[in-house]
Amino acid sequence: MEKQSRFLACGTPFSSADDHTAIVKSLSKQFKMKKASHLSWAMRLSDGTETKNDGGESGSGNCILEVMRNMNSVNCLVLVARWYGGKHLGGLRFRIYRNATKALLTEYSTTMKKSPIG
């Protein structure tokens, strides 16, 4: 929580056959994000396709996508929700979007390395 705003990041594997609208809706329901002030997301595919959405928080989708590029994360979609706490965060909100995305992708990467495949 930062200045009474709350943030939550979640994600899922994603392929070109998936419908990003349906996945964002499903994730927001699963993680109880429907009442969030902003739902920002980005997705990257191994074929180079990238899509993002700011969810009403100008520049936030780009922050998520930037971290995904830096971490070479592909074939996934990351969704970050923000519940506005009544105080403006200025540029700090971009750092929070980046940090939330990085923490999620790092945890996912660590979990996947520990889990046997197949």
C-alpha atoms as a PDB file:
ATOM      1  CA  MET A   1       0.000   0.000   0.000  1.00  0.00           C
ATOM      2  CA  GLU A   2       1.334   3.422  -0.942  1.00  0.00           C
ATOM      3  CA  LYS A   3      -0.440   6.586   0.231  1.00  0.00           C
ATOM      4  CA  GLN A   4      -3.551   4.485   0.734  1.00  0.00           C
ATOM      5  CA  SER A   5      -3.556   3.159  -2.845  1.00  0.00           C
ATOM      6  CA  ARG A   6      -3.398  -0.619  -3.130  1.00  0.00           C
ATOM      7  CA  PHE A   7      -1.816  -2.571  -5.995  1.00  0.00           C
ATOM      8  CA  LEU A   8      -2.065  -6.237  -6.955  1.00  0.00           C
ATOM      9  CA  ALA A   9      -0.358  -8.052  -9.842  1.00  0.00           C
ATOM     10  CA  CYS A  10      -1.365 -11.374 -11.352  1.00  0.00           C
ATOM     11  CA  GLY A  11      -0.690 -13.131 -14.621  1.00  0.00           C
ATOM     12  CA  THR A  12      -1.172 -16.195 -16.750  1.00  0.00           C
ATOM     13  CA  PRO A  13       0.390 -17.980 -19.720  1.00  0.00           C
ATOM     14  CA  PHE A  14      -0.922 -16.570 -22.995  1.00  0.00           C
ATOM     15  CA  SER A  15      -0.919 -17.733 -26.612  1.00  0.00           C
ATOM     16  CA  SER A  16      -1.955 -16.175 -29.903  1.00  0.00           C
ATOM     17  CA  ALA A  17      -5.151 -18.235 -29.798  1.00  0.00           C
ATOM     18  CA  ASP A  18      -6.233 -16.678 -26.482  1.00  0.00           C
ATOM     19  CA  ASP A  19      -8.685 -13.789 -26.175  1.00  0.00           C
ATOM     20  CA  HIS A  20      -7.034 -11.125 -24.017  1.00  0.00           C
ATOM     21  CA  THR A  21     -10.383  -9.534 -23.151  1.00  0.00           C
ATOM     22  CA  ALA A  22     -11.739 -12.797 -21.738  1.00  0.00           C
ATOM     23  CA  ILE A  23      -8.509 -13.508 -19.848  1.00  0.00           C
ATOM     24  CA  VAL A  24      -8.376 -10.049 -18.258  1.00  0.00           C
ATOM     25  CA  LYS A  25     -12.019 -10.445 -17.225  1.00  0.00           C
ATOM     26  CA  SER A  26     -11.353 -13.914 -15.803  1.00  0.00           C
ATOM     27  CA  LEU A  27      -8.266 -12.804 -13.852  1.00  0.00           C
ATOM     28  CA  SER A  28     -10.016  -9.738 -12.469  1.00  0.00           C
ATOM     29  CA  LYS A  29     -12.855 -11.945 -11.252  1.00  0.00           C
ATOM     30  CA  GLN A  30     -10.566 -14.643  -9.845  1.00  0.00           C
ATOM     31  CA  PHE A  31      -8.426 -12.134  -7.919  1.00  0.00           C
ATOM     32  CA  LYS A  32     -11.390  -9.928  -6.911  1.00  0.00           C
ATOM     33  CA  MET A  33     -10.211  -6.919  -8.901  1.00  0.00           C
ATOM     34  CA  LYS A  34     -13.562  -5.864 -10.358  1.00  0.00           C
ATOM     35  CA  LYS A  35     -13.826  -2.832  -8.078  1.00  0.00           C
ATOM     36  CA  ALA A  36     -10.267  -1.652  -8.786  1.00  0.00           C
ATOM     37  CA  SER A  37      -9.918   1.931 -10.002  1.00  0.00           C
ATOM     38  CA  HIS A  38      -7.516   0.844 -12.764  1.00  0.00           C
ATOM     39  CA  LEU A  39      -6.840  -2.491 -14.468  1.00  0.00           C
ATOM     40  CA  SER A  40      -3.660  -2.173 -16.526  1.00  0.00           C
ATOM     41  CA  TRP A  41      -2.169  -5.065 -18.462  1.00  0.00           C
ATOM     42  CA  ALA A  42       0.319  -6.120 -21.100  1.00  0.00           C
ATOM     43  CA  MET A  43       1.052  -9.309 -23.010  1.00  0.00           C
ATOM     44  CA  ARG A  44       3.978 -10.511 -25.110  1.00  0.00           C
ATOM     45  CA  LEU A  45       4.248 -13.455 -27.473  1.00  0.00           C
ATOM     46  CA  SER A  46       7.356 -15.249 -28.690  1.00  0.00           C
ATOM     47  CA  ASP A  47       6.490 -14.187 -32.274  1.00  0.00           C
ATOM     48  CA  GLY A  48       7.077 -10.529 -31.291  1.00  0.00           C
ATOM     49  CA  THR A  49       3.423  -9.568 -30.817  1.00  0.00           C
ATOM     50  CA  GLU A  50       2.905  -7.109 -27.962  1.00  0.00           C
ATOM     51  CA  THR A  51      -0.301  -5.510 -26.678  1.00  0.00           C
ATOM     52  CA  LYS A  52      -0.938  -3.287 -23.681  1.00  0.00           C
ATOM     53  CA  ASN A  53      -3.780  -1.403 -22.052  1.00  0.00           C
ATOM     54  CA  ASP A  54      -3.486   1.414 -19.516  1.00  0.00           C
ATOM     55  CA  GLY A  55      -6.863   0.766 -17.914  1.00  0.00           C
ATOM     56  CA  GLY A  56      -7.355   4.479 -17.298  1.00  0.00           C
ATOM     57  CA  GLU A  57      -3.893   4.960 -15.723  1.00  0.00           C
ATOM     58  CA  SER A  58      -1.964   6.681 -18.518  1.00  0.00           C
ATOM     59  CA  GLY A  59       1.413   5.023 -19.132  1.00  0.00           C
ATOM     60  CA  SER A  60       0.910   2.047 -16.802  1.00  0.00           C
ATOM     61  CA  GLY A  61       0.551  -0.556 -19.567  1.00  0.00           C
ATOM     62  CA  ASN A  62       3.856   0.584 -21.005  1.00  0.00           C
ATOM     63  CA  CYS A  63       5.526   0.177 -17.573  1.00  0.00           C
ATOM     64  CA  ILE A  64       4.326  -3.428 -17.403  1.00  0.00           C
ATOM     65  CA  LEU A  65       5.426  -4.123 -20.982  1.00  0.00           C
ATOM     66  CA  GLU A  66       8.843  -2.547 -20.372  1.00  0.00           C
ATOM     67  CA  VAL A  67       9.525  -4.927 -17.471  1.00  0.00           C
ATOM     68  CA  MET A  68       8.340  -7.895 -19.531  1.00  0.00           C
ATOM     69  CA  ARG A  69      10.803  -6.919 -22.270  1.00  0.00           C
ATOM     70  CA  ASN A  70      13.662  -6.436 -19.806  1.00  0.00           C
ATOM     71  CA  MET A  71      13.001  -9.837 -18.242  1.00  0.00           C
ATOM     72  CA  ASN A  72      12.478 -11.467 -21.650  1.00  0.00           C
ATOM     73  CA  SER A  73       9.045 -12.722 -20.565  1.00  0.00           C
ATOM     74  CA  VAL A  74       6.998 -14.069 -23.445  1.00  0.00           C
ATOM     75  CA  ASN A  75       3.776 -15.999 -23.937  1.00  0.00           C
ATOM     76  CA  CYS A  76       2.198 -14.460 -20.884  1.00  0.00           C
ATOM     77  CA  LEU A  77      -0.189 -11.709 -19.826  1.00  0.00           C
ATOM     78  CA  VAL A  78       0.375  -9.571 -16.707  1.00  0.00           C
ATOM     79  CA  LEU A  79      -2.470  -7.640 -15.084  1.00  0.00           C
ATOM     80  CA  VAL A  80      -1.897  -5.019 -12.382  1.00  0.00           C
ATOM     81  CA  ALA A  81      -4.835  -3.545 -10.475  1.00  0.00           C
ATOM     82  CA  ARG A  82      -4.802  -0.288  -8.544  1.00  0.00           C
ATOM     83  CA  TRP A  83      -7.374   0.782  -6.003  1.00  0.00           C
ATOM     84  CA  TYR A  84      -7.042   4.559  -5.748  1.00  0.00           C
ATOM     85  CA  GLY A  85      -6.556   5.717  -2.163  1.00  0.00           C
ATOM     86  CA  GLY A  86      -7.447   9.377  -2.594  1.00  0.00           C
ATOM     87  CA  LYS A  87      -3.920  10.793  -2.824  1.00  0.00           C
ATOM     88  CA  HIS A  88      -2.005  11.422  -6.028  1.00  0.00           C
ATOM     89  CA  LEU A  89       1.177   9.379  -6.366  1.00  0.00           C
ATOM     90  CA  GLY A  90       2.728  11.257  -9.265  1.00  0.00           C
ATOM     91  CA  GLY A  91       5.602   9.366 -10.892  1.00  0.00           C
ATOM     92  CA  LEU A  92       5.816   6.966  -7.951  1.00  0.00           C
ATOM     93  CA  ARG A  93       2.914   4.999  -9.408  1.00  0.00           C
ATOM     94  CA  PHE A  94       5.058   3.999 -12.405  1.00  0.00           C
ATOM     95  CA  ARG A  95       7.747   2.584 -10.118  1.00  0.00           C
ATOM     96  CA  ILE A  96       5.054   0.625  -8.286  1.00  0.00           C
ATOM     97  CA  TYR A  97       3.679  -0.835 -11.550  1.00  0.00           C
ATOM     98  CA  ARG A  98       7.211  -1.849 -12.562  1.00  0.00           C
ATOM     99  CA  ASN A  99       8.041  -3.346  -9.161  1.00  0.00           C
ATOM    100  CA  ALA A 100       4.762  -5.286  -8.974  1.00  0.00           C
ATOM    101  CA  THR A 101       5.344  -6.721 -12.458  1.00  0.00           C
ATOM    102  CA  LYS A 102       8.959  -7.621 -11.716  1.00  0.00           C
ATOM    103  CA  ALA A 103       8.015  -9.322  -8.424  1.00  0.00           C
ATOM    104  CA  LEU A 104       5.282 -11.355 -10.141  1.00  0.00           C
ATOM    105  CA  LEU A 105       7.506 -12.480 -13.029  1.00  0.00           C
ATOM    106  CA  THR A 106      10.394 -13.285 -10.689  1.00  0.00           C
ATOM    107  CA  GLU A 107       8.140 -15.416  -8.477  1.00  0.00           C
ATOM    108  CA  TYR A 108       6.657 -17.156 -11.516  1.00  0.00           C
ATOM    109  CA  SER A 109      10.131 -17.866 -12.918  1.00  0.00           C
ATOM    110  CA  THR A 110      11.341 -19.254  -9.580  1.00  0.00           C
ATOM    111  CA  THR A 111       8.244 -21.415  -9.145  1.00  0.00           C
ATOM    112  CA  MET A 112       8.497 -22.821 -12.657  1.00  0.00           C
ATOM    113  CA  LYS A 113      12.170 -23.778 -12.158  1.00  0.00           C
ATOM    114  CA  LYS A 114      11.252 -25.766  -9.027  1.00  0.00           C
ATOM    115  CA  SER A 115       8.310 -27.577 -10.609  1.00  0.00           C
ATOM    116  CA  PRO A 116       8.825 -30.693 -12.720  1.00  0.00           C
ATOM    117  CA  ILE A 117       7.313 -30.452 -16.188  1.00  0.00           C
ATOM    118  CA  GLY A 118       5.211 -33.253 -17.530  1.00  0.00           C
END
